[in-house]
Amino acid sequence: MSRQRVPQLTRKHQDLDTKIRQEARSPASDDLALQALKRQKLRLKEMIAAAQG
């Protein structure tokens, strides 16, 4: 993976962080959806780390 994708991945990571916070604050939050978002965020973090080398 190239370093050129890092800014794009970082933005997606930040967007997921925002979604996670919103879902967690929601009175009708869905635990399974929250876990899925957290897994996606972790995958992005790993991809960013790999791209940075």
PDB file of N, CA and C in Angstrom:
ATOM      1  N   MET A   1       0.846  -1.173   0.000  1.00  0.00           N
ATOM      2  CA  MET A   1       0.000   0.000   0.000  1.00  0.00           C
ATOM      3  C   MET A   1       0.892   1.236   0.000  1.00  0.00           C
ATOM      4  N   SER A   2       0.473   2.232  -0.716  1.00  0.00           N
ATOM      5  CA  SER A   2       1.304   3.427  -0.831  1.00  0.00           C
ATOM      6  C   SER A   2       0.982   4.442   0.257  1.00  0.00           C
ATOM      7  N   ARG A   3       1.957   5.286   0.478  1.00  0.00           N
ATOM      8  CA  ARG A   3       1.771   6.356   1.468  1.00  0.00           C
ATOM      9  C   ARG A   3       0.748   7.379   0.987  1.00  0.00           C
ATOM     10  N   GLN A   4       0.461   7.384  -0.291  1.00  0.00           N
ATOM     11  CA  GLN A   4      -0.500   8.332  -0.839  1.00  0.00           C
ATOM     12  C   GLN A   4      -1.906   8.070  -0.294  1.00  0.00           C
ATOM     13  N   ARG A   5      -2.176   6.839   0.105  1.00  0.00           N
ATOM     14  CA  ARG A   5      -3.497   6.486   0.622  1.00  0.00           C
ATOM     15  C   ARG A   5      -3.656   6.834   2.094  1.00  0.00           C
ATOM     16  N   VAL A   6      -2.583   7.138   2.781  1.00  0.00           N
ATOM     17  CA  VAL A   6      -2.649   7.398   4.222  1.00  0.00           C
ATOM     18  C   VAL A   6      -3.628   8.525   4.564  1.00  0.00           C
ATOM     19  N   PRO A   7      -3.585   9.667   3.877  1.00  0.00           N
ATOM     20  CA  PRO A   7      -4.553  10.721   4.226  1.00  0.00           C
ATOM     21  C   PRO A   7      -6.012  10.270   4.044  1.00  0.00           C
ATOM     22  N   GLN A   8      -6.259   9.514   2.993  1.00  0.00           N
ATOM     23  CA  GLN A   8      -7.612   9.010   2.736  1.00  0.00           C
ATOM     24  C   GLN A   8      -8.035   8.044   3.844  1.00  0.00           C
ATOM     25  N   LEU A   9      -7.164   7.142   4.213  1.00  0.00           N
ATOM     26  CA  LEU A   9      -7.468   6.183   5.281  1.00  0.00           C
ATOM     27  C   LEU A   9      -7.640   6.891   6.621  1.00  0.00           C
ATOM     28  N   THR A  10      -6.817   7.892   6.855  1.00  0.00           N
ATOM     29  CA  THR A  10      -6.913   8.654   8.104  1.00  0.00           C
ATOM     30  C   THR A  10      -8.261   9.359   8.194  1.00  0.00           C
ATOM     31  N   ARG A  11      -8.720   9.904   7.091  1.00  0.00           N
ATOM     32  CA  ARG A  11     -10.021  10.586   7.075  1.00  0.00           C
ATOM     33  C   ARG A  11     -11.148   9.588   7.360  1.00  0.00           C
ATOM     34  N   LYS A  12     -11.072   8.417   6.747  1.00  0.00           N
ATOM     35  CA  LYS A  12     -12.090   7.392   7.000  1.00  0.00           C
ATOM     36  C   LYS A  12     -12.066   6.966   8.466  1.00  0.00           C
ATOM     37  N   HIS A  13     -10.866   6.873   9.035  1.00  0.00           N
ATOM     38  CA  HIS A  13     -10.709   6.498  10.440  1.00  0.00           C
ATOM     39  C   HIS A  13     -11.383   7.542  11.333  1.00  0.00           C
ATOM     40  N   GLN A  14     -11.165   8.819  11.023  1.00  0.00           N
ATOM     41  CA  GLN A  14     -11.781   9.902  11.791  1.00  0.00           C
ATOM     42  C   GLN A  14     -13.304   9.899  11.652  1.00  0.00           C
ATOM     43  N   ASP A  15     -13.787   9.617  10.442  1.00  0.00           N
ATOM     44  CA  ASP A  15     -15.232   9.550  10.216  1.00  0.00           C
ATOM     45  C   ASP A  15     -15.856   8.423  11.043  1.00  0.00           C
ATOM     46  N   LEU A  16     -15.189   7.287  11.079  1.00  0.00           N
ATOM     47  CA  LEU A  16     -15.690   6.168  11.875  1.00  0.00           C
ATOM     48  C   LEU A  16     -15.688   6.516  13.359  1.00  0.00           C
ATOM     49  N   ASP A  17     -14.672   7.225  13.799  1.00  0.00           N
ATOM     50  CA  ASP A  17     -14.607   7.639  15.199  1.00  0.00           C
ATOM     51  C   ASP A  17     -15.819   8.501  15.554  1.00  0.00           C
ATOM     52  N   THR A  18     -16.175   9.395  14.657  1.00  0.00           N
ATOM     53  CA  THR A  18     -17.347  10.251  14.866  1.00  0.00           C
ATOM     54  C   THR A  18     -18.623   9.411  14.919  1.00  0.00           C
ATOM     55  N   LYS A  19     -18.758   8.465  13.998  1.00  0.00           N
ATOM     56  CA  LYS A  19     -19.935   7.599  13.985  1.00  0.00           C
ATOM     57  C   LYS A  19     -20.033   6.769  15.256  1.00  0.00           C
ATOM     58  N   ILE A  20     -18.891   6.290  15.735  1.00  0.00           N
ATOM     59  CA  ILE A  20     -18.868   5.487  16.958  1.00  0.00           C
ATOM     60  C   ILE A  20     -19.335   6.321  18.145  1.00  0.00           C
ATOM     61  N   ARG A  21     -18.830   7.542  18.251  1.00  0.00           N
ATOM     62  CA  ARG A  21     -19.252   8.416  19.357  1.00  0.00           C
ATOM     63  C   ARG A  21     -20.742   8.720  19.292  1.00  0.00           C
ATOM     64  N   GLN A  22     -21.249   8.970  18.092  1.00  0.00           N
ATOM     65  CA  GLN A  22     -22.671   9.260  17.937  1.00  0.00           C
ATOM     66  C   GLN A  22     -23.516   8.042  18.307  1.00  0.00           C
ATOM     67  N   GLU A  23     -23.099   6.880  17.854  1.00  0.00           N
ATOM     68  CA  GLU A  23     -23.843   5.651  18.155  1.00  0.00           C
ATOM     69  C   GLU A  23     -23.826   5.360  19.649  1.00  0.00           C
ATOM     70  N   ALA A  24     -22.701   5.579  20.283  1.00  0.00           N
ATOM     71  CA  ALA A  24     -22.580   5.304  21.717  1.00  0.00           C
ATOM     72  C   ALA A  24     -23.463   6.244  22.537  1.00  0.00           C
ATOM     73  N   ARG A  25     -23.658   7.463  22.074  1.00  0.00           N
ATOM     74  CA  ARG A  25     -24.485   8.435  22.796  1.00  0.00           C
ATOM     75  C   ARG A  25     -25.977   8.226  22.573  1.00  0.00           C
ATOM     76  N   SER A  26     -26.318   7.522  21.519  1.00  0.00           N
ATOM     77  CA  SER A  26     -27.717   7.326  21.170  1.00  0.00           C
ATOM     78  C   SER A  26     -28.419   6.452  22.209  1.00  0.00           C
ATOM     79  N   PRO A  27     -29.604   6.853  22.655  1.00  0.00           N
ATOM     80  CA  PRO A  27     -30.326   6.033  23.638  1.00  0.00           C
ATOM     81  C   PRO A  27     -30.709   4.662  23.074  1.00  0.00           C
ATOM     82  N   ALA A  28     -30.865   4.591  21.766  1.00  0.00           N
ATOM     83  CA  ALA A  28     -31.228   3.323  21.138  1.00  0.00           C
ATOM     84  C   ALA A  28     -30.024   2.719  20.422  1.00  0.00           C
ATOM     85  N   SER A  29     -28.853   2.843  21.019  1.00  0.00           N
ATOM     86  CA  SER A  29     -27.643   2.364  20.351  1.00  0.00           C
ATOM     87  C   SER A  29     -27.681   0.850  20.184  1.00  0.00           C
ATOM     88  N   ASP A  30     -27.148   0.409  19.080  1.00  0.00           N
ATOM     89  CA  ASP A  30     -27.111  -1.002  18.719  1.00  0.00           C
ATOM     90  C   ASP A  30     -25.697  -1.521  19.017  1.00  0.00           C
ATOM     91  N   ASP A  31     -25.595  -2.402  19.988  1.00  0.00           N
ATOM     92  CA  ASP A  31     -24.280  -2.911  20.393  1.00  0.00           C
ATOM     93  C   ASP A  31     -23.559  -3.629  19.253  1.00  0.00           C
ATOM     94  N   LEU A  32     -24.295  -4.383  18.448  1.00  0.00           N
ATOM     95  CA  LEU A  32     -23.663  -5.096  17.336  1.00  0.00           C
ATOM     96  C   LEU A  32     -23.147  -4.120  16.284  1.00  0.00           C
ATOM     97  N   ALA A  33     -23.920  -3.088  16.000  1.00  0.00           N
ATOM     98  CA  ALA A  33     -23.479  -2.082  15.036  1.00  0.00           C
ATOM     99  C   ALA A  33     -22.255  -1.349  15.571  1.00  0.00           C
ATOM    100  N   LEU A  34     -22.262  -1.058  16.848  1.00  0.00           N
ATOM    101  CA  LEU A  34     -21.133  -0.376  17.483  1.00  0.00           C
ATOM    102  C   LEU A  34     -19.865  -1.237  17.401  1.00  0.00           C
ATOM    103  N   GLN A  35     -19.995  -2.515  17.655  1.00  0.00           N
ATOM    104  CA  GLN A  35     -18.848  -3.418  17.557  1.00  0.00           C
ATOM    105  C   GLN A  35     -18.324  -3.486  16.129  1.00  0.00           C
ATOM    106  N   ALA A  36     -19.231  -3.514  15.158  1.00  0.00           N
ATOM    107  CA  ALA A  36     -18.822  -3.566  13.754  1.00  0.00           C
ATOM    108  C   ALA A  36     -18.055  -2.305  13.370  1.00  0.00           C
ATOM    109  N   LEU A  37     -18.533  -1.158  13.821  1.00  0.00           N
ATOM    110  CA  LEU A  37     -17.837   0.099  13.539  1.00  0.00           C
ATOM    111  C   LEU A  37     -16.440   0.101  14.163  1.00  0.00           C
ATOM    112  N   LYS A  38     -16.342  -0.416  15.375  1.00  0.00           N
ATOM    113  CA  LYS A  38     -15.041  -0.464  16.050  1.00  0.00           C
ATOM    114  C   LYS A  38     -14.080  -1.397  15.331  1.00  0.00           C
ATOM    115  N   ARG A  39     -14.595  -2.508  14.810  1.00  0.00           N
ATOM    116  CA  ARG A  39     -13.733  -3.433  14.039  1.00  0.00           C
ATOM    117  C   ARG A  39     -13.235  -2.760  12.769  1.00  0.00           C
ATOM    118  N   GLN A  40     -14.121  -2.035  12.086  1.00  0.00           N
ATOM    119  CA  GLN A  40     -13.720  -1.327  10.874  1.00  0.00           C
ATOM    120  C   GLN A  40     -12.651  -0.285  11.192  1.00  0.00           C
ATOM    121  N   LYS A  41     -12.828   0.407  12.298  1.00  0.00           N
ATOM    122  CA  LYS A  41     -11.863   1.432  12.700  1.00  0.00           C
ATOM    123  C   LYS A  41     -10.503   0.798  12.989  1.00  0.00           C
ATOM    124  N   LEU A  42     -10.510  -0.349  13.647  1.00  0.00           N
ATOM    125  CA  LEU A  42      -9.263  -1.047  13.944  1.00  0.00           C
ATOM    126  C   LEU A  42      -8.576  -1.503  12.657  1.00  0.00           C
ATOM    127  N   ARG A  43      -9.342  -2.030  11.702  1.00  0.00           N
ATOM    128  CA  ARG A  43      -8.765  -2.444  10.422  1.00  0.00           C
ATOM    129  C   ARG A  43      -8.112  -1.263   9.711  1.00  0.00           C
ATOM    130  N   LEU A  44      -8.790  -0.113   9.739  1.00  0.00           N
ATOM    131  CA  LEU A  44      -8.216   1.075   9.108  1.00  0.00           C
ATOM    132  C   LEU A  44      -6.932   1.488   9.809  1.00  0.00           C
ATOM    133  N   LYS A  45      -6.922   1.423  11.133  1.00  0.00           N
ATOM    134  CA  LYS A  45      -5.719   1.787  11.887  1.00  0.00           C
ATOM    135  C   LYS A  45      -4.554   0.873  11.496  1.00  0.00           C
ATOM    136  N   GLU A  46      -4.829  -0.412  11.337  1.00  0.00           N
ATOM    137  CA  GLU A  46      -3.787  -1.354  10.935  1.00  0.00           C
ATOM    138  C   GLU A  46      -3.301  -1.061   9.526  1.00  0.00           C
ATOM    139  N   MET A  47      -4.233  -0.693   8.617  1.00  0.00           N
ATOM    140  CA  MET A  47      -3.851  -0.367   7.257  1.00  0.00           C
ATOM    141  C   MET A  47      -2.989   0.888   7.211  1.00  0.00           C
ATOM    142  N   ILE A  48      -3.318   1.866   8.046  1.00  0.00           N
ATOM    143  CA  ILE A  48      -2.536   3.113   8.097  1.00  0.00           C
ATOM    144  C   ILE A  48      -1.117   2.803   8.599  1.00  0.00           C
ATOM    145  N   ALA A  49      -1.029   1.992   9.637  1.00  0.00           N
ATOM    146  CA  ALA A  49       0.283   1.636  10.193  1.00  0.00           C
ATOM    147  C   ALA A  49       1.120   0.892   9.158  1.00  0.00           C
ATOM    148  N   ALA A  50       0.490  -0.014   8.414  1.00  0.00           N
ATOM    149  CA  ALA A  50       1.214  -0.764   7.396  1.00  0.00           C
ATOM    150  C   ALA A  50       1.688   0.143   6.265  1.00  0.00           C
ATOM    151  N   ALA A  51       0.868   1.109   5.895  1.00  0.00           N
ATOM    152  CA  ALA A  51       1.227   2.021   4.807  1.00  0.00           C
ATOM    153  C   ALA A  51       2.358   2.955   5.203  1.00  0.00           C
ATOM    154  N   GLN A  52       2.434   3.282   6.488  1.00  0.00           N
ATOM    155  CA  GLN A  52       3.488   4.168   6.942  1.00  0.00           C
ATOM    156  C   GLN A  52       4.809   3.440   7.097  1.00  0.00           C
ATOM    157  N   GLY A  53       4.718   2.146   7.128  1.00  0.00           N
ATOM    158  CA  GLY A  53       5.893   1.312   7.076  1.00  0.00           C
ATOM    159  C   GLY A  53       6.641   1.099   8.279  1.00  0.00           C
TER     160      GLY A  53
END
